[in-house]
Protein backbone atom coordinates (compact mmCIF):
# COMPACT_ATOMS: atom_id res chain seq x y z
CA MET A 1 9.95 7.04 9.17
CA ARG A 2 6.75 8.43 10.67
CA ILE A 3 3.50 6.59 9.97
CA ASP A 4 1.99 9.72 8.39
CA ASP A 5 4.94 9.91 5.99
CA VAL A 6 4.42 6.26 5.07
CA LYS A 7 0.71 6.87 4.42
CA ASN A 8 1.46 9.93 2.28
CA ASP A 9 4.02 7.94 0.27
CA LEU A 10 1.56 5.10 -0.27
CA ARG A 11 -1.23 7.45 -1.38
CA LYS A 12 1.16 9.21 -3.77
CA PHE A 13 2.35 5.89 -5.21
CA ILE A 14 -1.23 4.72 -5.79
CA VAL A 15 -2.38 7.95 -7.42
CA ASP A 16 0.76 8.34 -9.55
CA ASN A 17 0.96 4.73 -10.72
CA PHE A 18 -2.66 3.68 -11.08
CA TYR A 19 -4.39 6.99 -11.80
CA PHE A 20 -1.54 8.82 -13.55
CA GLY A 21 -1.65 11.69 -11.07
CA GLU A 22 -5.39 12.33 -11.45
CA GLU A 23 -7.16 13.29 -8.25
CA LEU A 24 -8.64 10.26 -6.55
CA ASP A 25 -10.92 10.58 -3.54
CA PHE A 26 -10.44 7.74 -1.08
CA SER A 27 -9.80 7.48 2.64
CA ASP A 28 -6.92 5.68 4.29
CA SER A 29 -9.33 3.01 5.52
CA ASP A 30 -11.04 2.35 2.16
CA SER A 31 -10.60 -1.16 0.78
CA PHE A 32 -8.61 -1.10 -2.46
CA LEU A 33 -10.49 -4.11 -3.81
CA GLU A 34 -14.00 -3.01 -2.79
CA LYS A 35 -13.46 0.49 -4.20
CA GLY A 36 -11.75 -0.82 -7.35
CA ILE A 37 -8.65 1.23 -6.60
CA ILE A 38 -6.13 -1.57 -7.18
CA ASP A 39 -6.66 -4.90 -8.95
CA SER A 40 -4.60 -8.07 -8.59
CA THR A 41 -1.97 -6.92 -11.09
CA GLY A 42 -1.71 -3.61 -9.27
CA THR A 43 -1.15 -5.50 -6.04
CA LEU A 44 2.00 -7.01 -7.56
CA GLU A 45 3.25 -3.52 -8.44
CA LEU A 46 2.43 -2.34 -4.95
CA ILE A 47 4.37 -5.23 -3.40
CA ALA A 48 7.41 -4.38 -5.54
CA HIS A 49 7.14 -0.78 -4.30
CA LEU A 50 6.97 -1.92 -0.67
CA GLU A 51 9.99 -4.17 -1.05
CA ASN A 52 12.08 -1.56 -2.87
CA THR A 53 11.10 1.48 -0.85
CA TYR A 54 10.89 0.03 2.65
CA HIS A 55 13.45 -2.76 2.21
CA ILE A 56 11.08 -5.44 3.45
CA LYS A 57 10.28 -8.89 2.13
CA VAL A 58 6.63 -9.60 1.43
CA ASN A 59 6.21 -13.35 1.86
CA ASP A 60 3.42 -15.49 0.44
CA GLN A 61 1.75 -15.70 3.87
CA ASP A 62 1.72 -11.87 3.99
CA LEU A 63 -0.50 -11.65 0.89
CA THR A 64 -3.77 -11.09 2.74
CA PRO A 65 -6.33 -8.28 2.73
CA GLU A 66 -5.50 -7.72 6.42
CA ASN A 67 -2.04 -6.54 5.31
CA LEU A 68 -2.54 -5.04 1.87
CA ASP A 69 -6.11 -3.81 1.33
CA SER A 70 -5.99 -0.16 2.46
CA VAL A 71 -3.51 2.58 3.19
CA ASP A 72 -4.04 2.07 6.94
CA ARG A 73 -3.45 -1.69 6.67
CA LEU A 74 -0.38 -1.22 4.49
CA ALA A 75 1.11 1.31 6.90
CA ALA A 76 0.55 -1.04 9.85
CA PHE A 77 2.06 -3.91 7.86
CA ILE A 78 5.14 -1.84 6.98
CA GLU A 79 5.49 -0.72 10.58
CA LYS A 80 5.35 -4.34 11.77
CA LYS A 81 7.86 -5.51 9.14
CA THR A 82 10.36 -2.74 9.90
CA GLU A 83 10.32 -3.10 13.69
CA PRO A 84 13.73 -4.00 15.06
């Protein structure tokens, strides 16, 4: 899967699940926490989406802002986890 496709999927998931399809203006580098886009409960939903969609396991040590706090960081995390 191309990185742009991953980013588009992540943006769609966030808008559809947390903003019920309403237009939301944020960049791929914006922090979810700083911008109030996703809270801690939403992070759990996001992790379930990552595990189900990308067939990866998100371990406790993976639960860091460096991995999960923006579309760019999520895409890089998914890319790292799905490397052969």
